[in-house]
Amino acid sequence: MRRITVLGLCAMGALLFANCGGSQSVTKGRQEITIPCQDQGRSDKNFFRASATAKSANLNTAKQKALLNAKQTLAANIASTIKSVTENYVNEMDAAGASEFEQSYQNMTKEVVNQKLSSVTVTCEKYYEAEGGGYEAFVAVEMNKEDIVNAAESAISKDKKLEVMYDREKFRQKFDEEMSKL
């Protein structure tokens, strides 16, 4: 009797071990989701990019919302990169008023980015009928980094105070370093 109990416990332990351990796949029963336009929304060293999606009962509204969301994401990405570049640039400046330059430059580039957002390039658009009704829009947009840098430099040349503290080559170097991280 004791022998049967020990064998029974061993058998149950073996079954328990086989069911709990081993090389079960973490993705078993999961389905990967592919989001349209997402790959076209990844920034690189030459372009700022963003993608977005929106759902609406009206196709045109879904398109407009997705485009607006993508532009907002793009603007946030550009602002973040410019903030990082400006901070790195200012840290190497020996000039008095470096913090004033940083604040003025960031404010000026926000205006430049807002003006440039009207001319972004849409690189991907996909539209689907949504389950349960309505429409779903997927959009990716991009903006060339050179357009941002050139517009910022043009704005700097109009501000004599900023222009005095601005070292074009050093700033471009910092900007290229930050873009290569994307």
Protein backbone atom coordinates (compact mmCIF):
# COMPACT_ATOMS: atom_id res chain seq x y z
CA MET A 1 0.00 0.00 0.00
CA ARG A 2 2.78 2.32 0.93
CA ARG A 3 4.53 1.44 -2.32
CA ILE A 4 1.45 2.45 -4.37
CA THR A 5 1.20 5.78 -2.55
CA VAL A 6 4.86 6.59 -3.19
CA LEU A 7 4.54 5.60 -6.86
CA GLY A 8 1.35 7.64 -7.16
CA LEU A 9 3.03 10.72 -5.67
CA CYS A 10 6.00 10.30 -7.99
CA ALA A 11 3.72 10.00 -11.00
CA MET A 12 1.76 13.11 -9.99
CA GLY A 13 5.01 15.00 -9.41
CA ALA A 14 6.26 13.99 -12.86
CA LEU A 15 3.02 15.14 -14.47
CA LEU A 16 3.09 18.40 -12.55
CA PHE A 17 6.71 19.01 -13.53
CA ALA A 18 6.01 18.22 -17.18
CA ASN A 19 3.05 20.62 -17.27
CA CYS A 20 4.69 23.50 -15.39
CA GLY A 21 8.19 23.46 -16.76
CA GLY A 22 9.75 22.75 -20.06
CA SER A 23 10.04 24.89 -23.13
CA GLN A 24 6.59 26.30 -23.59
CA SER A 25 6.41 29.33 -25.87
CA VAL A 26 5.56 32.67 -24.26
CA THR A 27 3.65 33.67 -27.39
CA LYS A 28 1.47 30.55 -27.46
CA GLY A 29 -2.08 31.64 -28.07
CA ARG A 30 -1.06 35.21 -28.87
CA GLN A 31 -1.35 36.85 -32.24
CA GLU A 32 1.07 39.56 -33.31
CA ILE A 33 -0.66 42.73 -34.42
CA THR A 34 0.63 44.57 -37.44
CA ILE A 35 -0.21 48.27 -37.40
CA PRO A 36 -0.41 49.82 -40.87
CA CYS A 37 1.98 52.73 -41.57
CA GLN A 38 3.92 52.21 -38.33
CA ASP A 39 7.20 51.30 -40.08
CA GLN A 40 6.98 54.44 -42.24
CA GLY A 41 6.64 56.48 -39.03
CA ARG A 42 10.11 55.71 -37.64
CA SER A 43 12.61 58.59 -37.58
CA ASP A 44 16.15 58.19 -38.84
CA LYS A 45 19.23 60.37 -39.24
CA ASN A 46 17.71 62.33 -42.14
CA PHE A 47 14.01 62.55 -41.36
CA PHE A 48 11.73 63.17 -38.43
CA ARG A 49 8.78 60.80 -38.79
CA ALA A 50 5.64 59.84 -36.90
CA SER A 51 2.60 57.66 -37.36
CA ALA A 52 -0.86 57.71 -35.85
CA THR A 53 -4.28 56.16 -36.06
CA ALA A 54 -7.79 57.41 -35.48
CA LYS A 55 -11.28 55.99 -35.59
CA SER A 56 -14.50 57.78 -36.44
CA ALA A 57 -17.97 57.15 -37.82
CA ASN A 58 -17.00 59.42 -40.72
CA LEU A 59 -14.07 58.51 -43.01
CA ASN A 60 -12.97 62.12 -43.52
CA THR A 61 -13.00 62.78 -39.77
CA ALA A 62 -10.91 59.64 -39.17
CA LYS A 63 -8.38 60.87 -41.78
CA GLN A 64 -8.18 64.36 -40.26
CA LYS A 65 -7.81 63.04 -36.70
CA ALA A 66 -5.07 60.59 -37.70
CA LEU A 67 -3.17 63.32 -39.57
CA LEU A 68 -3.51 65.73 -36.65
CA ASN A 69 -2.30 63.06 -34.19
CA ALA A 70 0.68 62.24 -36.44
CA LYS A 71 1.60 65.93 -36.75
CA GLN A 72 1.37 66.40 -32.98
CA THR A 73 3.62 63.38 -32.42
CA LEU A 74 6.04 64.68 -35.06
CA ALA A 75 6.16 68.12 -33.42
CA ALA A 76 6.81 66.55 -30.01
CA ASN A 77 9.63 64.42 -31.44
CA ILE A 78 11.24 67.43 -33.11
CA ALA A 79 10.89 69.56 -29.97
CA SER A 80 12.47 66.83 -27.87
CA THR A 81 15.41 66.46 -30.25
CA ILE A 82 15.95 70.21 -30.51
CA LYS A 83 15.83 70.54 -26.72
CA SER A 84 18.50 67.87 -26.36
CA VAL A 85 20.67 69.40 -29.09
CA THR A 86 20.34 72.88 -27.60
CA GLU A 87 21.23 71.66 -24.11
CA ASN A 88 24.32 69.86 -25.43
CA TYR A 89 25.29 72.89 -27.49
CA VAL A 90 24.83 75.32 -24.59
CA ASN A 91 26.87 73.08 -22.28
CA GLU A 92 29.85 73.61 -24.59
CA MET A 93 29.33 77.35 -24.98
CA ASP A 94 31.70 79.58 -23.08
CA ALA A 95 29.65 82.69 -23.73
CA ALA A 96 27.77 84.63 -21.12
CA GLY A 97 24.05 84.39 -21.58
CA ALA A 98 24.14 80.76 -22.71
CA SER A 99 20.95 79.96 -20.81
CA GLU A 100 19.25 82.95 -22.42
CA PHE A 101 20.37 81.61 -25.81
CA GLU A 102 18.95 78.19 -24.95
CA GLN A 103 15.54 79.57 -24.00
CA SER A 104 15.37 81.96 -26.97
CA TYR A 105 16.48 79.29 -29.42
CA GLN A 106 13.96 76.73 -28.15
CA ASN A 107 11.12 79.25 -28.34
CA MET A 108 12.16 80.28 -31.84
CA THR A 109 12.38 76.68 -33.07
CA LYS A 110 8.90 75.93 -31.70
CA GLU A 111 7.57 78.68 -33.95
CA VAL A 112 9.57 77.34 -36.90
CA VAL A 113 8.29 73.80 -36.34
CA ASN A 114 4.69 75.01 -36.09
CA GLN A 115 5.09 76.88 -39.40
CA LYS A 116 6.71 73.87 -41.07
CA LEU A 117 4.07 71.37 -39.89
CA SER A 118 1.75 72.61 -42.61
CA SER A 119 4.18 71.24 -45.19
CA VAL A 120 4.84 67.73 -43.87
CA THR A 121 4.91 64.89 -46.33
CA VAL A 122 2.41 62.10 -45.85
CA THR A 123 4.32 58.88 -46.51
CA CYS A 124 1.58 56.35 -45.79
CA GLU A 125 -2.21 56.39 -45.65
CA LYS A 126 -4.41 53.35 -45.08
CA TYR A 127 -8.11 53.31 -44.37
CA TYR A 128 -10.32 50.47 -43.19
CA GLU A 129 -13.90 49.90 -42.25
CA ALA A 130 -13.84 49.36 -38.51
CA GLU A 131 -15.41 46.38 -36.84
CA GLY A 132 -18.78 47.43 -35.49
CA GLY A 133 -19.06 50.34 -37.95
CA GLY A 134 -17.17 53.48 -38.73
CA TYR A 135 -13.71 53.86 -40.17
CA GLU A 136 -10.14 53.58 -38.99
CA ALA A 137 -7.36 55.68 -40.52
CA PHE A 138 -3.63 55.01 -40.30
CA VAL A 139 -1.18 57.75 -41.32
CA ALA A 140 2.58 58.30 -41.34
CA VAL A 141 4.24 61.67 -41.94
CA GLU A 142 7.80 62.92 -42.29
CA MET A 143 9.80 66.12 -42.33
CA ASN A 144 13.35 66.45 -43.59
CA LYS A 145 15.76 67.48 -40.82
CA GLU A 146 17.40 69.94 -43.23
CA ASP A 147 14.12 71.85 -43.56
CA ILE A 148 14.05 72.33 -39.78
CA VAL A 149 17.72 73.30 -39.48
CA ASN A 150 17.58 75.70 -42.44
CA ALA A 151 14.40 77.37 -41.19
CA ALA A 152 15.93 77.73 -37.71
CA GLU A 153 19.12 79.21 -39.15
CA SER A 154 17.08 81.65 -41.20
CA ALA A 155 15.20 82.74 -38.06
CA ILE A 156 18.49 83.08 -36.14
CA SER A 157 19.93 85.36 -38.80
CA LYS A 158 17.01 87.74 -38.13
CA ASP A 159 17.80 87.88 -34.40
CA LYS A 160 21.10 89.72 -33.91
CA LYS A 161 21.49 88.63 -30.30
CA LEU A 162 21.11 84.93 -31.14
CA GLU A 163 23.25 85.25 -34.25
CA VAL A 164 26.22 86.51 -32.20
CA MET A 165 26.15 83.42 -29.94
CA TYR A 166 25.39 80.93 -32.71
CA ASP A 167 28.17 78.71 -34.04
CA ARG A 168 26.63 77.08 -37.10
CA GLU A 169 29.17 74.27 -37.47
CA LYS A 170 29.13 73.30 -33.80
CA PHE A 171 25.34 73.34 -33.70
CA ARG A 172 25.07 71.23 -36.87
CA GLN A 173 27.53 68.74 -35.39
CA LYS A 174 25.40 68.39 -32.25
CA PHE A 175 22.25 68.13 -34.34
CA ASP A 176 23.72 65.39 -36.56
CA GLU A 177 24.90 63.47 -33.47
CA GLU A 178 21.40 63.55 -32.00
CA MET A 179 19.78 62.56 -35.31
CA SER A 180 22.10 59.57 -35.66
CA LYS A 181 20.64 58.21 -32.39
CA LEU A 182 17.18 57.96 -33.97
